Protein backbone atom coordinates (compact mmCIF):
# COMPACT_ATOMS: atom_id res chain seq x y z
CA MET A 1 111.14 109.06 122.07
CA PHE A 2 114.38 108.49 123.97
CA GLU A 3 114.34 111.72 126.02
CA ARG A 4 113.32 110.18 129.35
CA ILE A 5 114.74 106.69 128.84
CA LYS A 6 117.65 105.49 130.92
CA PRO A 7 119.68 102.44 129.88
CA THR A 8 119.94 99.33 132.05
CA THR A 9 123.18 97.45 132.64
CA GLN A 10 121.93 94.25 131.04
CA ILE A 11 122.36 93.78 127.28
CA ARG A 12 119.97 91.31 125.72
CA THR A 13 118.36 90.33 122.44
CA VAL A 14 114.98 91.81 121.53
CA ALA A 15 112.77 91.03 118.53
CA LEU A 16 110.27 93.39 116.90
CA PRO A 17 108.47 93.49 113.56
CA GLY A 18 110.96 94.47 110.86
CA ASP A 19 109.33 97.79 109.96
CA ILE A 20 109.22 98.88 113.61
CA ALA A 21 112.78 97.69 114.26
CA ASP A 22 113.97 99.64 111.20
CA THR A 23 112.26 102.83 112.39
CA LEU A 24 113.81 102.38 115.82
CA GLN A 25 117.25 101.96 114.23
CA TYR A 26 116.78 105.09 112.07
CA VAL A 27 115.73 107.22 115.03
CA TYR A 28 118.65 105.86 117.06
CA LEU A 29 121.20 106.61 114.34
CA CYS A 30 119.82 109.96 113.13
CA ASN A 31 119.59 111.41 116.64
CA LYS A 32 122.96 110.07 117.87
CA ILE A 33 121.28 108.31 120.81
CA GLU A 34 124.42 106.27 121.57
CA LYS A 35 125.83 109.34 123.33
CA ARG A 36 123.23 108.75 126.07
CA GLY A 37 124.60 105.29 126.84
CA ILE A 38 121.76 103.49 125.10
CA ILE A 39 122.76 100.53 122.94
CA ILE A 40 120.85 99.29 119.91
CA LYS A 41 123.16 97.10 117.83
CA GLY A 42 122.66 94.57 115.10
CA ASN A 43 119.67 93.72 113.01
CA HIS A 44 119.25 90.04 112.23
CA GLY A 45 116.16 89.55 110.14
CA GLY A 46 113.86 86.60 110.57
CA LEU A 47 114.44 85.40 107.00
CA ARG A 48 117.82 84.07 108.11
CA VAL A 49 116.14 81.42 110.29
CA VAL A 50 114.95 79.57 107.19
CA HIS A 51 118.46 79.01 105.87
CA ASN A 52 120.52 78.32 108.99
CA ALA A 53 119.57 75.81 111.72
CA ARG A 54 121.92 77.38 114.30
CA ILE A 55 120.34 80.79 113.80
CA ARG A 56 116.88 79.20 113.89
CA ASP A 57 117.61 77.45 117.22
CA THR A 58 118.99 80.67 118.71
CA TYR A 59 116.53 83.30 117.51
CA VAL A 60 113.15 81.67 116.85
CA PRO A 61 112.36 81.22 120.59
CA ILE A 62 113.25 84.88 121.21
CA GLU A 63 111.18 86.03 118.23
CA GLU A 64 108.23 83.86 119.26
CA SER A 65 108.16 85.25 122.81
CA TRP A 66 108.33 88.85 121.55
CA LEU A 67 105.71 88.08 118.89
CA ALA A 68 103.31 86.76 121.55
CA GLU A 69 103.80 89.86 123.71
CA PHE A 70 103.50 92.14 120.68
CA GLN A 71 100.20 90.56 119.65
CA LYS A 72 98.92 90.86 123.21
CA ARG A 73 99.79 94.57 123.42
CA PHE A 74 98.84 95.54 119.85
CA PRO A 75 96.11 93.12 118.69
CA ASP A 76 94.96 95.44 115.90
CA TYR A 77 98.41 95.80 114.30
CA GLU A 78 98.43 93.78 111.09
CA LEU A 79 101.57 91.70 110.80
CA PRO A 80 102.55 90.45 107.35
CA THR A 81 102.18 86.76 106.51
CA SER A 82 103.59 84.53 103.82
CA ASP A 83 102.01 81.62 101.98
CA ILE A 84 105.33 80.68 100.36
CA ALA A 85 107.00 77.54 101.71
CA PRO A 86 109.33 77.35 103.63
CA TYR A 87 108.56 80.82 104.96
CA SER A 88 104.96 80.09 105.92
CA GLN A 89 105.99 77.52 108.53
CA PHE A 90 107.36 80.33 110.71
CA GLY A 91 104.31 82.62 110.46
CA ALA A 92 104.80 86.25 111.47
CA VAL A 93 108.16 85.44 113.14
CA ILE A 94 109.75 85.49 109.69
CA PHE A 95 109.10 89.24 109.51
CA PHE A 96 110.68 90.03 112.89
CA SER A 97 114.16 91.50 113.37
CA CYS A 98 116.38 90.83 116.38
CA PHE A 99 118.81 93.32 117.86
CA GLU A 100 120.80 93.77 121.06
CA THR A 101 119.89 96.55 123.47
CA ASN A 102 120.18 97.71 127.04
CA LEU A 103 116.63 99.12 127.18
CA SER A 104 114.07 97.75 129.62
CA ASP A 105 110.97 95.96 128.34
CA GLU A 106 108.71 98.84 129.33
CA ASP A 107 110.93 101.37 127.55
CA ILE A 108 110.87 99.24 124.41
CA TRP A 109 107.06 98.95 124.50
CA THR A 110 106.76 102.71 125.06
CA ILE A 111 108.91 103.34 121.97
CA VAL A 112 106.96 100.77 119.93
CA GLU A 113 103.71 102.51 120.86
CA ILE A 114 105.11 105.86 119.71
CA ILE A 115 106.20 104.32 116.40
CA ILE A 116 102.89 102.54 115.81
CA ASN A 117 100.86 105.63 116.65
CA ASP A 118 103.12 107.62 114.28
CA ASP A 119 103.37 110.36 116.88
CA ASP A 120 104.49 113.50 115.03
CA SER A 121 104.71 115.34 118.34
CA ASP A 122 107.78 113.23 119.17
CA ARG A 123 110.77 115.41 118.30
CA GLU A 124 113.22 112.58 117.57
CA LEU A 125 110.77 110.67 115.39
CA LEU A 126 109.78 113.82 113.50
CA TYR A 127 113.43 114.76 112.93
CA THR A 128 114.14 111.28 111.59
CA LYS A 129 111.17 111.43 109.20
CA MET A 130 112.42 114.79 107.91
CA ARG A 131 115.91 113.34 107.37
CA GLU A 132 114.49 110.31 105.55
CA LYS A 133 112.31 112.50 103.33
CA ALA A 134 115.28 114.74 102.47
CA ALA A 135 117.43 111.69 101.68
CA GLU A 136 114.72 110.24 99.42
CA GLU A 137 114.41 113.56 97.60
CA ASN A 138 118.20 113.79 97.15
CA ASN A 139 118.26 110.23 95.82
CA ARG A 140 115.47 111.03 93.37
CA PHE A 141 117.36 114.09 92.06
CA TYR A 142 120.58 112.09 91.82
CA ILE A 143 118.86 109.37 89.81
CA LEU A 144 117.19 111.89 87.48
CA GLU A 145 120.50 113.71 86.90
CA ASN A 146 122.31 110.48 86.08
CA LEU A 147 119.84 108.91 83.67
């Protein structure tokens, strides 16, 4: 996923659907990608915009622009929605997560496509899935032993 990606010098805020942002974070952390000079820091979920006007003013425009581009590139991807007020007033933006990175837009969209297509041929993504599965199994055994 990150093998051929080179970081840029500019650090900026990016917003992606929460499940995709989480997968990106897991792959980044499990594969020690920071050693390549790539930065992916922070994870501010969209739910925070409901409760804090300053956060709303800062992040909603970013989330809306990334949401529009996401829907243009992946029209068949089903984003969650909420019918619970006050969440429903923000639409799909509420389920987006923001983070800071030094990746280019095209690199981000390439990674998002790999995540959405669930590409098991991608070594870093496959390794991360194996680590997550092992951690879940260890947690299950731990819980069973401590009941």
